[in-house]
Each structure stands twice: as C-alpha cells, then as structure tokens.
Amino acid sequence: MRDLIVQWLTTITAPFWKSSLSMDQFVTALQETFHMVFFAMLFGCIWGFIQAIILLVTRPNGILPNRVIYHALNPIVNALRSLPFIILLIAVIPLTKFLVGTSIGTWAAIVPLTIYVGPYIGRLVETSLLEVNEGIIESAQAMGATPMQIIFKFILPEARSSLILNLTTATISLIGATAMAGAVGAGGIGDLAISYGYQRFDTSVVIMTVIVLLILVQIVQSVGDWLSRLR
C-alpha cells in the first residue's frame, strides 16, 4: 500500500517536483504527522474529558459543587492554555526526556502536543457540556439518576453533536501544532518544511507541505461535519 502511494504521488508531482527530497521521504514524514496527531489526540481527549467533567460537576452550580477542586483546577487549565506552543515545546523538554528518553523525534513531540491539546480539549468539551439544557439535568435528578448516570446517560449523549464539532476544531489545531513541532526536530511534514524548504530554500517542498496541510484540514473538517449530523 505504501509503495503504491509513493508511486502515485511520484507520478502526479513529476511535472513540478524539483526537489532533492524523495517522495518516499515525504510519505514517511506524512506517516509521522498522522502518528503524532493520533496519539496526542488520544491522550489529549482522555485528559480533556476528565478535566471537563470535573470542572462541570464541581462548579458552584454543578451536580456536586466543590469550590476547592474547582478553584484549584480552573487556574491550572487557564495557565496551560495561555502558553504559546513553541514555548511549551521547549519548557517541557526535561519532562519529555524523563518520559521517553529523548527530546527529539515523533514520540518526544507527543508529550508537549498532549500537554498543549489536553487543556484546549477540556475547555471545548466543558463548553459543549454547559450547552446542555438544565431542564434535562433536572429531569434526570428527579428520576433519581446518580451523578455518573447524569453525566454519561444524559449530558454526554445530549452534547454529542457539539462535542464532535469541537473535537474537530481541536484536531485541526493539533495538525498545525505538529507542523510547528518540526522546528525542534520532531519529524513530520513540518520538519521537512523547515529542514528542506526553509533552510535549503526548496520552494517545492514548502508548497507541497502547504497543499497537504490544507487537504488534511479540509478532510478532517468535512468528516467532523458529517459525523455531527448523524443521529
């Protein structure tokens, strides 16, 4: 399958591809980008959903109000969200080395990417959950539903469409962050754009990178819109 993709891309780009970079290298970089997006999104969603649910239920008018937990977690989330990704990327290098043993490469990039997207997803998920009509929650409480049942059987299903659209937005932001991670040797197509396109003044690599990123964003957005309309 990989060989077919490489051959197909080589054929269609032959008329304008004037780079020393082989198409096989480009496909490898694309695979690394998918790898980073998938795992960072997976870990970020786990963290984000836990964070959002805790903030939802412990807020002053929540299901289980707890001022201590809410006011301790809320500023931490805000602080992490306020950090520009390129600064976060450098700041967590010691943690990255501790967790994966290196500060460069695809796996090393997943650590700061997860830290970056986790709070972002958490806020988006929290926003979606807060949009659920309070009448639904009150009805669930009147029926004797437990807090866990209210969250997983009433709030989350009701917020499904909004959640999908917000997670689509987070995925698109993450794709952009993976390209930025190439600045510190994280791999992926962002790394190619910098090491081949910028540093070697290879315009064709930059153009190809931009085109691929645009296509990826369009595909993700289209799939997200389609899923959000499903019932």
Protein backbone atom coordinates (compact mmCIF):
# COMPACT_ATOMS: atom_id res chain seq x y z
CA MET A 1 0.00 0.00 0.00
CA ARG A 2 2.78 2.41 0.95
CA ASP A 3 4.68 1.68 -2.27
CA LEU A 4 1.53 2.35 -4.31
CA ILE A 5 1.03 5.71 -2.57
CA VAL A 6 4.67 6.68 -3.18
CA GLN A 7 4.41 5.66 -6.84
CA TRP A 8 1.14 7.55 -7.30
CA LEU A 9 2.47 10.73 -5.70
CA THR A 10 5.69 10.50 -7.71
CA THR A 11 3.68 10.26 -10.92
CA ILE A 12 1.33 13.17 -10.30
CA THR A 13 4.05 15.50 -8.93
CA ALA A 14 6.69 14.67 -11.54
CA PRO A 15 5.97 17.74 -13.75
CA PHE A 16 6.68 20.26 -10.97
CA TRP A 17 8.64 18.37 -8.29
CA LYS A 18 12.16 19.82 -8.48
CA SER A 19 13.47 18.82 -5.09
CA SER A 20 16.30 16.61 -3.83
CA LEU A 21 13.75 15.22 -1.36
CA SER A 22 12.37 11.86 -2.46
CA MET A 23 8.65 11.17 -2.39
CA ASP A 24 9.37 8.21 -0.11
CA GLN A 25 10.77 10.64 2.48
CA PHE A 26 7.67 12.81 2.12
CA VAL A 27 5.32 9.86 2.69
CA THR A 28 7.37 8.84 5.76
CA ALA A 29 7.03 12.38 7.13
CA LEU A 30 3.28 12.26 6.48
CA GLN A 31 3.04 9.00 8.43
CA GLU A 32 4.91 10.63 11.32
CA THR A 33 2.42 13.50 11.28
CA PHE A 34 -0.51 11.05 11.44
CA HIS A 35 1.27 9.23 14.27
CA MET A 36 1.68 12.43 16.30
CA VAL A 37 -1.88 13.62 15.70
CA PHE A 38 -3.44 10.25 16.57
CA PHE A 39 -1.63 9.64 19.85
CA ALA A 40 -1.64 13.26 21.02
CA MET A 41 -5.37 13.44 20.28
CA LEU A 42 -5.98 10.13 22.06
CA PHE A 43 -4.14 11.14 25.24
CA GLY A 44 -5.44 14.70 24.99
CA CYS A 45 -9.05 13.51 24.78
CA ILE A 46 -8.65 11.31 27.84
CA TRP A 47 -7.16 14.19 29.80
CA GLY A 48 -9.55 16.76 28.38
CA PHE A 49 -12.73 14.80 29.08
CA ILE A 50 -11.68 14.03 32.66
CA GLN A 51 -10.80 17.67 33.22
CA ALA A 52 -14.04 18.93 31.64
CA ILE A 53 -16.26 16.58 33.64
CA ILE A 54 -14.53 17.53 36.91
CA LEU A 55 -14.97 21.23 36.15
CA LEU A 56 -18.59 20.68 35.15
CA VAL A 57 -19.69 18.80 38.24
CA THR A 58 -17.66 20.83 40.81
CA ARG A 59 -18.56 24.32 39.55
CA PRO A 60 -20.68 26.39 42.02
CA ASN A 61 -23.98 25.41 40.36
CA GLY A 62 -22.83 21.94 39.31
CA ILE A 63 -24.06 18.48 40.22
CA LEU A 64 -21.50 18.06 43.02
CA PRO A 65 -20.28 21.59 43.86
CA ASN A 66 -16.78 21.70 45.32
CA ARG A 67 -15.12 25.11 45.49
CA VAL A 68 -11.72 23.74 46.46
CA ILE A 69 -11.38 21.38 43.49
CA TYR A 70 -12.92 23.83 41.01
CA HIS A 71 -10.81 26.81 42.03
CA ALA A 72 -7.66 24.68 42.12
CA LEU A 73 -8.13 23.07 38.68
CA ASN A 74 -9.54 26.07 36.81
CA PRO A 75 -6.42 28.32 37.02
CA ILE A 76 -4.14 25.40 36.10
CA VAL A 77 -6.13 24.85 32.92
CA ASN A 78 -6.07 28.56 32.14
CA ALA A 79 -2.31 28.74 32.70
CA LEU A 80 -1.57 25.80 30.39
CA ARG A 81 -3.87 27.18 27.69
CA SER A 82 -2.17 30.58 27.80
CA LEU A 83 1.28 29.21 26.90
CA PRO A 84 2.26 29.51 23.21
CA PHE A 85 3.02 26.05 21.87
CA ILE A 86 6.59 26.81 20.79
CA ILE A 87 7.42 27.96 24.34
CA LEU A 88 5.67 24.94 25.87
CA LEU A 89 7.63 22.72 23.50
CA ILE A 90 10.90 23.97 24.93
CA ALA A 91 9.76 24.27 28.55
CA VAL A 92 8.78 20.59 28.88
CA ILE A 93 11.99 19.18 27.39
CA PRO A 94 13.12 17.82 30.80
CA LEU A 95 9.76 16.07 31.24
CA THR A 96 9.91 14.75 27.68
CA LYS A 97 13.39 13.30 28.27
CA PHE A 98 12.20 11.71 31.51
CA LEU A 99 9.16 10.07 29.87
CA VAL A 100 10.54 8.94 26.50
CA GLY A 101 14.31 9.21 26.96
CA THR A 102 14.86 11.83 24.23
CA SER A 103 13.78 15.33 23.29
CA ILE A 104 13.69 14.84 19.52
CA GLY A 105 11.63 12.61 17.27
CA THR A 106 7.98 11.73 16.88
CA TRP A 107 7.41 10.17 20.31
CA ALA A 108 9.14 13.08 22.02
CA ALA A 109 6.78 15.51 20.27
CA ILE A 110 3.71 13.65 21.54
CA VAL A 111 4.43 14.75 25.13
CA PRO A 112 4.23 18.54 24.57
CA LEU A 113 1.47 18.06 22.00
CA THR A 114 -0.64 16.24 24.60
CA ILE A 115 0.06 18.92 27.22
CA TYR A 116 -0.89 21.55 24.65
CA VAL A 117 -4.10 19.99 23.36
CA GLY A 118 -5.38 18.46 26.64
CA PRO A 119 -6.47 21.73 28.32
CA TYR A 120 -7.72 23.03 24.97
CA ILE A 121 -9.93 19.97 24.51
CA GLY A 122 -11.01 20.24 28.13
CA ARG A 123 -12.33 23.78 27.64
CA LEU A 124 -14.06 22.87 24.38
CA VAL A 125 -15.70 19.82 25.97
CA GLU A 126 -16.71 21.85 29.01
CA THR A 127 -18.33 24.43 26.71
CA SER A 128 -20.27 21.68 24.91
CA LEU A 129 -21.47 20.14 28.17
CA LEU A 130 -22.57 23.51 29.55
CA GLU A 131 -24.77 23.99 26.47
CA VAL A 132 -26.98 21.08 27.55
CA ASN A 133 -30.37 22.33 28.71
CA GLU A 134 -30.59 22.45 32.51
CA GLY A 135 -34.10 21.01 32.26
CA ILE A 136 -32.61 17.68 31.11
CA ILE A 137 -30.34 17.57 34.15
CA GLU A 138 -33.21 18.48 36.47
CA SER A 139 -35.36 15.75 34.91
CA ALA A 140 -32.58 13.21 35.39
CA GLN A 141 -32.20 14.22 39.04
CA ALA A 142 -35.97 13.99 39.54
CA MET A 143 -35.86 10.41 38.23
CA GLY A 144 -33.23 9.57 40.86
CA ALA A 145 -30.26 9.27 38.49
CA THR A 146 -26.82 9.21 40.10
CA PRO A 147 -24.21 11.85 39.13
CA MET A 148 -22.43 9.28 36.92
CA GLN A 149 -25.69 8.38 35.19
CA ILE A 150 -26.49 12.05 34.65
CA ILE A 151 -23.11 12.63 33.02
CA PHE A 152 -22.87 9.51 30.85
CA LYS A 153 -26.53 8.83 30.03
CA PHE A 154 -27.92 12.35 29.77
CA ILE A 155 -25.33 15.12 29.38
CA LEU A 156 -22.77 13.46 27.08
CA PRO A 157 -25.34 11.98 24.64
CA GLU A 158 -27.20 15.30 24.50
CA ALA A 159 -23.98 17.19 23.74
CA ARG A 160 -22.83 14.70 21.09
CA SER A 161 -23.03 16.94 18.00
CA SER A 162 -21.36 19.87 19.71
CA LEU A 163 -18.64 17.61 21.09
CA ILE A 164 -17.82 16.24 17.63
CA LEU A 165 -17.56 19.73 16.13
CA ASN A 166 -15.36 20.95 18.98
CA LEU A 167 -13.11 17.89 18.77
CA THR A 168 -12.82 18.54 15.03
CA THR A 169 -11.61 22.06 15.83
CA ALA A 170 -9.09 20.64 18.32
CA THR A 171 -7.80 18.14 15.74
CA ILE A 172 -7.22 20.91 13.20
CA SER A 173 -5.32 22.97 15.80
CA LEU A 174 -3.26 19.89 16.63
CA ILE A 175 -2.32 19.38 12.98
CA GLY A 176 -0.97 22.93 12.95
CA ALA A 177 0.95 22.28 16.17
CA THR A 178 2.60 19.15 14.73
CA ALA A 179 3.90 21.26 11.86
CA MET A 180 5.31 23.73 14.39
CA ALA A 181 6.92 20.88 16.34
CA GLY A 182 9.15 20.31 13.32
CA ALA A 183 11.15 23.34 14.47
CA VAL A 184 12.80 21.18 17.14
CA GLY A 185 13.28 18.03 15.06
CA ALA A 186 10.00 16.33 15.90
CA GLY A 187 9.65 14.83 12.44
CA GLY A 188 6.57 15.02 10.26
CA ILE A 189 5.92 17.29 7.33
CA GLY A 190 6.62 20.38 9.44
CA ASP A 191 10.19 19.17 9.89
CA LEU A 192 10.53 18.75 6.12
CA ALA A 193 9.19 22.25 5.50
CA ILE A 194 11.84 23.69 7.79
CA SER A 195 14.87 21.47 7.09
CA TYR A 196 14.35 21.19 3.32
CA GLY A 197 12.04 24.04 2.39
CA TYR A 198 13.29 26.89 4.59
CA GLN A 199 16.90 26.02 5.34
CA ARG A 200 17.70 24.77 1.82
CA PHE A 201 15.47 27.28 0.01
CA ASP A 202 13.47 24.48 -1.61
CA THR A 203 10.19 26.14 -2.60
CA SER A 204 8.60 22.96 -3.98
CA VAL A 205 8.78 21.28 -0.54
CA VAL A 206 7.13 24.28 1.13
CA ILE A 207 4.35 24.37 -1.48
CA MET A 208 3.77 20.61 -1.19
CA THR A 209 3.63 20.87 2.61
CA VAL A 210 1.08 23.68 2.48
CA ILE A 211 -1.08 21.77 -0.01
CA VAL A 212 -1.02 18.59 2.11
CA LEU A 213 -1.90 20.51 5.30
CA LEU A 214 -4.79 22.24 3.53
CA ILE A 215 -6.09 18.89 2.27
CA LEU A 216 -5.79 17.31 5.73
CA VAL A 217 -7.68 20.19 7.35
CA GLN A 218 -10.45 20.01 4.74
CA ILE A 219 -10.81 16.23 5.19
CA VAL A 220 -10.93 16.48 9.00
CA GLN A 221 -13.48 19.30 8.90
CA SER A 222 -15.67 17.51 6.36
CA VAL A 223 -15.63 14.25 8.35
CA GLY A 224 -16.40 16.14 11.57
CA ASP A 225 -19.33 17.98 9.98
CA TRP A 226 -20.69 14.70 8.60
CA LEU A 227 -20.39 12.87 11.93
CA SER A 228 -22.06 15.71 13.81
CA ARG A 229 -25.13 15.40 11.58
CA LEU A 230 -25.53 11.68 12.15
CA ARG A 231 -28.22 10.53 14.56
